[in-house]
Amino acid sequence: MSRKFQEEKAEAGLHGTGVRTRAKKKLGQNFLIDPNVARKIVGRLDLQPADKVLEIGPGQGALSQFLLQCGAQVAGVEKDLALARQLKEKWPDIDVIAADALDIQWDRLYRAGFCKVIGNLPYNIASPLIWDIVSGFSEARGMVFTIQKEVGLRLTARPGRKEYGALSVWVQNFAQPRLEFILGPLVFRPRPKVDSAVVSLCPQALCPDQDQRKALASLLRVCFQQRRKQLKTSLRSLWSESVQAWFAEHGVRPQARAEDLTPQEFFSLSQRVFPLQPQGDK
């Protein structure tokens, strides 16, 4: 093998078998390289034989191999076309979908037979992706994601914490998040500059419907744009006798701030601030 060919392979990030090992920074790739950690992450999904699982960003298959070992039917959504081809060649039983996870229509997954979701999510899209998944795939029986530690703390934050925000409220109205464990940079290649968190999400039995979601999202946008403002100030243009009555009924002071309300209180308030219109008035 010529030195020139070796240099070209190194530049492309390929090892002897032709599988690319170098991550693409623009795709936010950090490959999990510790098989013990991968096995532990998959274990948090509590797989049953023949469960149909969607894996987001399978990359080099660190999680995929253990999903298959558990007897799951696996479909992987991989944006990197080269990795998508390599994954299919190495594990023919995986249904590889070469696509951007942000383009997935999550409400169709249940009808397609999927019941669980797992993935090592790129840091730069984790928040909007989880926002869409929990609301779009509320029929899921379980989800496990590896994400930036900061995002994991936001998902699981309680009222009054500095991490508590719109993402916390939104996710906790659809699922019960749990921070499973923290991962240091050494288990990834390339090594990220921050710690990661493995978070599990158990969907709620009852979730907001489409109209209720719109109301909740609108209220969160209003209240958390300037989170230090008092709610009465943030809701000034939306204030009404009905809204004022809500505060009295729930024992919440109008001078409270967004970080003081529980996820359930936000949902209840959103239905009062943005009441559903009768069918005939639409």
Protein backbone atom coordinates (compact mmCIF):
# COMPACT_ATOMS: atom_id res chain seq x y z
CA MET A 1 0.00 0.00 0.00
CA SER A 2 1.49 3.32 -1.05
CA ARG A 3 2.16 6.11 1.44
CA LYS A 4 -0.06 8.42 -0.62
CA PHE A 5 -3.00 6.01 -0.33
CA GLN A 6 -2.45 5.69 3.42
CA GLU A 7 -2.44 9.48 3.76
CA GLU A 8 -5.66 9.75 1.75
CA LYS A 9 -7.34 7.19 4.01
CA ALA A 10 -6.18 9.01 7.10
CA GLU A 11 -7.51 12.30 5.74
CA ALA A 12 -10.89 10.66 5.08
CA GLY A 13 -10.96 9.21 8.59
CA LEU A 14 -10.96 5.56 7.45
CA HIS A 15 -9.37 2.55 9.11
CA GLY A 16 -8.33 -0.73 7.48
CA THR A 17 -11.84 -2.06 6.90
CA GLY A 18 -12.99 1.07 5.07
CA VAL A 19 -15.29 2.23 7.88
CA ARG A 20 -15.08 5.93 8.61
CA THR A 21 -14.00 6.69 12.17
CA ARG A 22 -13.53 10.46 11.99
CA ALA A 23 -16.52 12.47 13.16
CA LYS A 24 -18.00 15.33 11.18
CA LYS A 25 -18.04 18.46 13.31
CA LYS A 26 -20.82 20.08 11.27
CA LEU A 27 -23.12 17.18 12.18
CA GLY A 28 -22.22 17.36 15.86
CA GLN A 29 -20.90 13.80 15.87
CA ASN A 30 -19.33 12.34 19.01
CA PHE A 31 -19.13 8.56 18.68
CA LEU A 32 -19.66 6.43 21.78
CA ILE A 33 -16.67 4.08 22.02
CA ASP A 34 -17.19 2.28 25.35
CA PRO A 35 -19.21 -0.94 24.85
CA ASN A 36 -19.95 -1.28 28.57
CA VAL A 37 -21.53 2.17 28.63
CA ALA A 38 -23.47 1.38 25.44
CA ARG A 39 -24.85 -1.80 27.02
CA LYS A 40 -25.82 0.16 30.14
CA ILE A 41 -27.66 2.81 28.08
CA VAL A 42 -29.63 0.20 26.14
CA GLY A 43 -30.49 -1.47 29.44
CA ARG A 44 -32.34 1.67 30.56
CA LEU A 45 -34.81 1.21 27.69
CA ASP A 46 -36.18 -1.98 29.30
CA LEU A 47 -36.59 -3.79 25.99
CA GLN A 48 -38.96 -6.68 25.50
CA PRO A 49 -38.54 -9.28 22.71
CA ALA A 50 -39.76 -7.98 19.34
CA ASP A 51 -40.07 -4.38 20.53
CA LYS A 52 -39.85 -2.06 17.53
CA VAL A 53 -37.29 0.64 18.32
CA LEU A 54 -36.32 3.80 16.49
CA GLU A 55 -32.69 4.76 17.01
CA ILE A 56 -31.73 8.34 16.27
CA GLY A 57 -28.22 8.86 14.95
CA PRO A 58 -26.87 5.29 15.24
CA GLY A 59 -23.52 6.41 13.81
CA GLN A 60 -21.13 3.48 13.99
CA GLY A 61 -23.65 1.23 15.72
CA ALA A 62 -22.46 1.44 19.33
CA LEU A 63 -26.04 1.08 20.61
CA SER A 64 -27.41 -0.76 17.60
CA GLN A 65 -25.55 -4.00 18.28
CA PHE A 66 -26.97 -4.28 21.79
CA LEU A 67 -30.49 -3.39 20.63
CA LEU A 68 -30.30 -6.30 18.19
CA GLN A 69 -28.91 -8.61 20.86
CA CYS A 70 -32.03 -7.86 22.94
CA GLY A 71 -34.20 -9.11 20.09
CA ALA A 72 -35.53 -5.70 19.13
CA GLN A 73 -36.58 -4.72 15.63
CA VAL A 74 -34.43 -1.69 14.91
CA ALA A 75 -34.81 1.22 12.50
CA GLY A 76 -32.05 3.81 12.52
CA VAL A 77 -32.38 7.41 11.34
CA GLU A 78 -28.93 8.53 10.17
CA LYS A 79 -28.27 11.84 8.41
CA ASP A 80 -24.70 10.94 7.44
CA LEU A 81 -25.12 9.00 4.18
CA ALA A 82 -21.74 7.27 4.42
CA LEU A 83 -22.47 6.03 7.94
CA ALA A 84 -25.97 4.97 6.86
CA ARG A 85 -24.46 2.75 4.15
CA GLN A 86 -21.84 1.31 6.51
CA LEU A 87 -24.44 0.57 9.17
CA LYS A 88 -26.61 -1.35 6.73
CA GLU A 89 -23.63 -3.33 5.45
CA LYS A 90 -22.52 -4.30 8.95
CA TRP A 91 -26.01 -5.02 10.35
CA PRO A 92 -28.37 -5.98 7.50
CA ASP A 93 -31.23 -6.54 9.97
CA ILE A 94 -31.39 -2.81 10.73
CA ASP A 95 -33.80 -0.75 8.65
CA VAL A 96 -31.61 2.27 7.96
CA ILE A 97 -33.37 5.53 7.10
CA ALA A 98 -31.04 8.11 5.57
CA ALA A 99 -32.73 11.28 6.81
CA ASP A 100 -32.55 14.20 9.22
CA ALA A 101 -34.29 13.36 12.51
CA LEU A 102 -35.68 16.90 12.61
CA ASP A 103 -37.78 16.01 9.54
CA ILE A 104 -39.41 12.93 11.06
CA GLN A 105 -43.20 13.01 11.40
CA TRP A 106 -43.36 11.64 14.93
CA ASP A 107 -47.12 11.22 14.99
CA ARG A 108 -46.78 8.42 12.42
CA LEU A 109 -44.46 6.23 14.47
CA TYR A 110 -47.17 4.60 16.55
CA ARG A 111 -49.13 3.64 13.46
CA ALA A 112 -45.93 2.14 12.05
CA GLY A 113 -45.58 -0.09 15.10
CA PHE A 114 -42.78 1.69 16.96
CA CYS A 115 -43.00 1.72 20.73
CA LYS A 116 -39.61 3.04 21.94
CA VAL A 117 -36.96 5.59 20.95
CA ILE A 118 -33.26 5.78 21.80
CA GLY A 119 -30.35 7.85 20.60
CA ASN A 120 -27.08 9.64 21.22
CA LEU A 121 -28.36 13.07 20.14
CA PRO A 122 -26.13 15.79 18.64
CA TYR A 123 -25.84 18.59 21.18
CA ASN A 124 -26.92 21.26 18.72
CA ILE A 125 -30.36 19.76 17.99
CA ALA A 126 -31.17 17.87 21.20
CA SER A 127 -33.55 20.44 22.70
CA PRO A 128 -35.81 21.05 19.67
CA LEU A 129 -35.72 17.35 18.81
CA ILE A 130 -36.87 16.23 22.26
CA TRP A 131 -39.51 18.99 22.25
CA ASP A 132 -40.95 17.49 19.04
CA ILE A 133 -40.62 13.84 20.05
CA VAL A 134 -42.39 13.98 23.42
CA SER A 135 -45.37 15.83 21.95
CA GLY A 136 -45.46 14.06 18.59
CA PHE A 137 -44.93 10.51 19.84
CA SER A 138 -46.87 10.55 23.10
CA GLU A 139 -47.89 6.89 22.58
CA ALA A 140 -44.29 5.72 23.11
CA ARG A 141 -43.68 3.32 25.97
CA GLY A 142 -40.17 4.56 26.65
CA MET A 143 -37.37 6.84 25.48
CA VAL A 144 -33.68 7.05 26.39
CA PHE A 145 -31.40 9.82 25.15
CA THR A 146 -27.76 10.71 25.63
CA ILE A 147 -27.52 14.49 25.61
CA GLN A 148 -25.44 17.35 26.93
CA LYS A 149 -25.51 17.40 30.74
CA GLU A 150 -26.87 20.95 30.74
CA VAL A 151 -29.88 19.86 28.66
CA GLY A 152 -30.41 16.86 30.91
CA LEU A 153 -30.59 19.16 33.92
CA ARG A 154 -33.10 21.37 32.12
CA LEU A 155 -35.33 18.40 31.24
CA THR A 156 -35.49 17.23 34.84
CA ALA A 157 -35.47 20.62 36.60
CA ARG A 158 -38.11 21.52 39.17
CA PRO A 159 -39.69 24.95 39.73
CA GLY A 160 -37.38 27.46 41.36
CA ARG A 161 -34.19 25.97 39.89
CA LYS A 162 -32.08 28.06 37.54
CA GLU A 163 -32.27 25.28 34.91
CA TYR A 164 -36.08 25.33 34.97
CA GLY A 165 -37.53 26.78 31.79
CA ALA A 166 -39.88 26.29 28.86
CA LEU A 167 -38.27 22.98 27.88
CA SER A 168 -38.71 21.64 31.43
CA VAL A 169 -42.40 22.58 31.51
CA TRP A 170 -43.14 21.28 28.02
CA VAL A 171 -41.44 17.90 28.46
CA GLN A 172 -42.89 17.31 31.94
CA ASN A 173 -46.42 17.83 30.61
CA PHE A 174 -45.87 14.84 28.30
CA ALA A 175 -43.44 12.60 30.16
CA GLN A 176 -41.69 11.89 33.43
CA PRO A 177 -37.98 12.55 32.83
CA ARG A 178 -35.28 10.89 34.90
CA LEU A 179 -31.57 11.61 34.86
CA GLU A 180 -30.07 8.11 34.82
CA PHE A 181 -26.34 8.84 34.97
CA ILE A 182 -23.60 11.23 33.84
CA LEU A 183 -20.95 10.41 31.23
CA GLY A 184 -17.53 12.03 31.05
CA PRO A 185 -15.83 12.96 27.76
CA LEU A 186 -13.54 9.89 27.74
CA VAL A 187 -16.23 7.50 26.48
CA PHE A 188 -16.64 9.47 23.24
CA ARG A 189 -14.51 10.12 20.17
CA PRO A 190 -13.87 12.93 19.61
CA ARG A 191 -14.07 13.92 23.23
CA PRO A 192 -16.67 16.65 23.86
CA LYS A 193 -15.67 19.58 26.03
CA VAL A 194 -18.54 18.98 28.46
CA ASP A 195 -20.12 16.09 30.32
CA SER A 196 -23.12 14.22 28.92
CA ALA A 197 -26.23 12.86 30.60
CA VAL A 198 -28.32 9.78 29.91
CA VAL A 199 -31.99 10.64 30.46
CA SER A 200 -35.00 8.35 30.31
CA LEU A 201 -38.52 9.59 29.56
CA CYS A 202 -41.66 7.72 30.57
CA PRO A 203 -44.66 9.18 28.69
CA GLN A 204 -47.67 10.31 30.75
CA ALA A 205 -50.89 8.31 30.53
CA LEU A 206 -52.80 11.45 29.50
CA CYS A 207 -51.14 14.07 27.32
CA PRO A 208 -52.34 17.43 25.96
CA ASP A 209 -54.21 17.22 22.66
CA GLN A 210 -53.34 19.28 19.61
CA ASP A 211 -55.27 22.41 20.62
CA GLN A 212 -54.04 22.21 24.20
CA ARG A 213 -50.45 21.94 22.95
CA LYS A 214 -50.81 25.11 20.94
CA ALA A 215 -52.13 26.97 23.98
CA LEU A 216 -49.34 25.66 26.22
CA ALA A 217 -46.61 26.51 23.69
CA SER A 218 -48.01 30.03 23.27
CA LEU A 219 -48.07 30.63 27.03
CA LEU A 220 -44.51 29.35 27.50
CA ARG A 221 -43.30 31.64 24.75
CA VAL A 222 -44.91 34.65 26.45
CA CYS A 223 -43.80 33.83 29.99
CA PHE A 224 -40.22 32.71 29.40
CA GLN A 225 -39.16 35.37 26.89
CA GLN A 226 -38.28 37.51 29.92
CA ARG A 227 -38.41 35.01 32.74
CA ARG A 228 -37.62 37.49 35.51
CA LYS A 229 -40.76 39.53 34.84
CA GLN A 230 -43.78 39.08 37.06
CA LEU A 231 -46.48 37.00 35.41
CA LYS A 232 -49.00 39.81 35.62
CA THR A 233 -46.59 41.96 33.59
CA SER A 234 -45.82 39.22 31.06
CA LEU A 235 -49.55 38.54 30.61
CA ARG A 236 -50.63 42.17 30.57
CA SER A 237 -52.01 42.05 27.03
CA LEU A 238 -53.79 38.75 27.78
CA TRP A 239 -55.14 39.61 31.21
CA SER A 240 -58.86 39.12 31.87
CA GLU A 241 -61.21 38.47 34.75
CA SER A 242 -61.01 34.78 33.96
CA VAL A 243 -57.20 34.83 34.15
CA GLN A 244 -57.31 36.81 37.38
CA ALA A 245 -59.75 34.25 38.80
CA TRP A 246 -57.30 31.45 37.89
CA PHE A 247 -54.61 32.97 40.10
CA ALA A 248 -57.05 33.23 43.00
CA GLU A 249 -58.34 29.68 42.52
CA HIS A 250 -54.83 28.18 42.50
CA GLY A 251 -53.37 30.33 45.25
CA VAL A 252 -50.74 31.80 42.92
CA ARG A 253 -49.74 35.43 43.30
CA PRO A 254 -49.88 37.50 40.08
CA GLN A 255 -46.47 38.83 41.14
CA ALA A 256 -44.97 35.33 40.81
CA ARG A 257 -42.45 34.66 38.05
CA ALA A 258 -42.50 31.97 35.39
CA GLU A 259 -39.96 29.84 37.26
CA ASP A 260 -42.39 29.58 40.22
CA LEU A 261 -45.20 27.69 38.45
CA THR A 262 -45.29 23.91 38.19
CA PRO A 263 -45.70 22.23 34.77
CA GLN A 264 -49.28 21.32 35.71
CA GLU A 265 -50.07 24.91 36.68
CA PHE A 266 -48.70 26.13 33.36
CA PHE A 267 -50.96 23.72 31.51
CA SER A 268 -54.01 24.78 33.51
CA LEU A 269 -53.24 28.48 33.07
CA SER A 270 -52.69 28.06 29.33
CA GLN A 271 -56.24 26.77 28.93
CA ARG A 272 -57.55 29.84 30.73
CA VAL A 273 -55.40 32.35 28.83
CA PHE A 274 -56.08 30.72 25.45
CA PRO A 275 -59.53 29.11 25.83
CA LEU A 276 -60.70 26.77 23.10
CA GLN A 277 -63.17 28.36 20.73
CA PRO A 278 -66.52 26.62 20.12
CA GLN A 279 -66.62 24.84 16.78
CA GLY A 280 -69.08 27.33 15.35
CA ASP A 281 -66.81 30.28 16.15
CA LYS A 282 -63.80 29.00 14.22
